Amino acid sequence: MIRGIAHIGIAVTSIEAARPIYEALGLRIEAIEEVPQEGVRVALIPCGESRIELLEPTSEQSPVARFLAARGPGMHHLCLESDDLETDDAALRRLGVRLLRDHPTQGASGTRVQFVHPRSAAGVLIELSQPEPEGMRAEED
């Protein structure tokens, strides 16, 4: 079941170049982390009950780099927080919704994620994200 909006992903060519507008609005980058399997650096900006994530590609082959090449900087995806990602994944598959992964994978900030293809979601890339339970986050090597 969906709990709410976890974050909005914004594709940028440079986190450093993009940060001034958010800081001018009184928002601050809480952390920057790399997600190697996605080929991005992610700047996490708390904003009320959710957050904004600035997505900077670390590889020309990354999905965010391809997005920037095709569309330029801007909104990349909408992330919805799930309380049971496996169940939501299975329900979407039963409905024939096109998903980008064979199964949920590791995302930023200790989450598990799945993506709904924009063709199945009125043109919007939707990320479903489930946080790891408190105290259960395993550190990756």
Protein backbone atom coordinates (compact mmCIF):
# COMPACT_ATOMS: atom_id res chain seq x y z
CA MET A 1 0.00 0.00 0.00
CA ILE A 2 1.26 3.48 -0.79
CA ARG A 3 1.90 5.75 2.21
CA GLY A 4 2.69 8.99 0.36
CA ILE A 5 5.25 10.78 -1.74
CA ALA A 6 8.77 9.79 -0.69
CA HIS A 7 10.59 12.15 -3.05
CA ILE A 8 10.71 13.82 -6.42
CA GLY A 9 13.81 13.04 -8.50
CA ILE A 10 15.28 15.92 -10.49
CA ALA A 11 17.89 15.14 -13.17
CA VAL A 12 20.76 17.64 -13.13
CA THR A 13 24.10 17.85 -14.89
CA SER A 14 25.74 19.07 -11.66
CA ILE A 15 24.54 18.96 -8.07
CA GLU A 16 26.79 21.93 -7.24
CA ALA A 17 25.33 24.03 -10.05
CA ALA A 18 21.74 23.13 -9.09
CA ARG A 19 21.95 23.57 -5.32
CA PRO A 20 21.81 27.42 -5.10
CA ILE A 21 18.13 27.64 -6.11
CA TYR A 22 17.12 25.17 -3.38
CA GLU A 23 19.29 26.93 -0.80
CA ALA A 24 17.77 30.28 -1.80
CA LEU A 25 14.40 28.74 -0.87
CA GLY A 26 15.74 27.80 2.57
CA LEU A 27 16.30 24.12 1.79
CA ARG A 28 19.58 22.37 2.57
CA ILE A 29 21.27 19.27 1.21
CA GLU A 30 21.23 16.74 4.03
CA ALA A 31 23.58 14.25 2.39
CA ILE A 32 25.10 13.27 -0.93
CA GLU A 33 25.56 9.62 -1.74
CA GLU A 34 26.57 7.59 -4.73
CA VAL A 35 24.38 4.79 -6.04
CA PRO A 36 26.86 2.88 -8.24
CA GLN A 37 24.33 0.39 -9.65
CA GLU A 38 22.34 3.36 -11.05
CA GLY A 39 25.38 5.40 -12.12
CA VAL A 40 24.33 8.49 -10.13
CA ARG A 41 25.22 10.76 -7.24
CA VAL A 42 22.14 11.72 -5.24
CA ALA A 43 21.76 14.89 -3.17
CA LEU A 44 19.05 14.43 -0.54
CA ILE A 45 17.10 17.59 0.29
CA PRO A 46 14.43 17.30 3.02
CA CYS A 47 11.25 19.19 2.12
CA GLY A 48 8.38 18.83 4.57
CA GLU A 49 7.32 15.20 4.93
CA SER A 50 9.16 14.16 1.76
CA ARG A 51 12.30 15.27 -0.04
CA ILE A 52 13.79 16.37 -3.32
CA GLU A 53 16.59 14.29 -4.81
CA LEU A 54 19.02 15.86 -7.25
CA LEU A 55 20.32 13.15 -9.58
CA GLU A 56 23.74 13.71 -11.18
CA PRO A 57 25.01 11.00 -13.54
CA THR A 58 28.41 9.44 -12.86
CA SER A 59 28.45 7.55 -16.16
CA GLU A 60 27.41 8.45 -19.69
CA GLN A 61 25.60 5.10 -19.84
CA SER A 62 23.43 5.71 -16.77
CA PRO A 63 19.66 6.13 -17.18
CA VAL A 64 19.91 9.69 -15.82
CA ALA A 65 22.64 10.58 -18.36
CA ARG A 66 20.44 9.25 -21.17
CA PHE A 67 17.49 11.21 -19.77
CA LEU A 68 19.57 14.43 -19.71
CA ALA A 69 20.81 13.85 -23.26
CA ALA A 70 17.26 13.35 -24.55
CA ARG A 71 15.31 15.87 -22.46
CA GLY A 72 17.71 18.09 -20.54
CA PRO A 73 17.51 18.83 -16.81
CA GLY A 74 14.16 18.49 -15.08
CA MET A 75 11.81 16.21 -13.25
CA HIS A 76 12.98 12.64 -13.73
CA HIS A 77 10.59 10.63 -11.55
CA LEU A 78 8.02 10.61 -8.79
CA CYS A 79 8.76 8.25 -5.90
CA LEU A 80 5.93 6.79 -3.84
CA GLU A 81 6.64 5.15 -0.49
CA SER A 82 5.34 1.60 -0.17
CA ASP A 83 4.79 -0.26 3.09
CA ASP A 84 5.07 -3.61 1.27
CA LEU A 85 7.04 -3.38 -1.97
CA GLU A 86 6.89 -7.10 -2.77
CA THR A 87 3.08 -7.09 -2.57
CA ASP A 88 2.79 -3.90 -4.64
CA ASP A 89 5.22 -5.33 -7.22
CA ALA A 90 3.16 -8.53 -7.51
CA ALA A 91 -0.14 -6.62 -7.78
CA LEU A 92 1.20 -4.46 -10.60
CA ARG A 93 2.49 -7.53 -12.46
CA ARG A 94 -0.92 -9.22 -12.17
CA LEU A 95 -2.46 -6.12 -13.80
CA GLY A 96 0.05 -6.29 -16.65
CA VAL A 97 1.80 -3.05 -15.67
CA ARG A 98 5.22 -2.73 -17.30
CA LEU A 99 7.97 -2.64 -14.66
CA LEU A 100 11.62 -1.81 -15.36
CA ARG A 101 13.15 -4.49 -13.16
CA ASP A 102 12.55 -8.24 -12.81
CA HIS A 103 12.34 -7.70 -9.05
CA PRO A 104 12.88 -4.88 -6.54
CA THR A 105 16.51 -3.82 -6.09
CA GLN A 106 18.63 -1.76 -3.69
CA GLY A 107 18.14 2.01 -3.91
CA ALA A 108 19.54 5.06 -2.15
CA SER A 109 19.34 5.53 1.63
CA GLY A 110 18.87 1.85 2.41
CA THR A 111 15.66 1.42 0.44
CA ARG A 112 14.34 -1.30 -1.85
CA VAL A 113 12.95 0.07 -5.12
CA GLN A 114 11.00 -0.82 -8.25
CA PHE A 115 10.17 1.40 -11.23
CA VAL A 116 6.96 1.58 -13.26
CA HIS A 117 7.59 2.32 -16.94
CA PRO A 118 6.20 5.71 -18.03
CA ARG A 119 4.10 4.00 -20.72
CA SER A 120 2.15 2.28 -17.94
CA ALA A 121 1.78 5.45 -15.86
CA ALA A 122 0.50 8.25 -18.09
CA GLY A 123 4.00 9.29 -19.12
CA VAL A 124 5.48 9.50 -15.60
CA LEU A 125 8.36 7.33 -14.40
CA ILE A 126 7.14 6.14 -10.99
CA GLU A 127 9.52 4.72 -8.42
CA LEU A 128 8.11 2.62 -5.61
CA SER A 129 10.33 2.66 -2.54
CA GLN A 130 10.26 0.82 0.76
CA PRO A 131 12.61 1.89 3.54
CA GLU A 132 14.51 -0.77 5.43
CA PRO A 133 13.09 -1.27 8.92
CA GLU A 134 14.95 0.69 11.61
CA GLY A 135 18.08 -1.16 12.69
CA MET A 136 17.90 -3.57 9.74
CA ARG A 137 19.92 -1.63 7.16
CA ALA A 138 22.88 -3.71 6.04
CA GLU A 139 25.99 -1.86 5.01
CA GLU A 140 27.14 -2.67 1.50
CA ASP A 141 30.75 -3.52 0.75
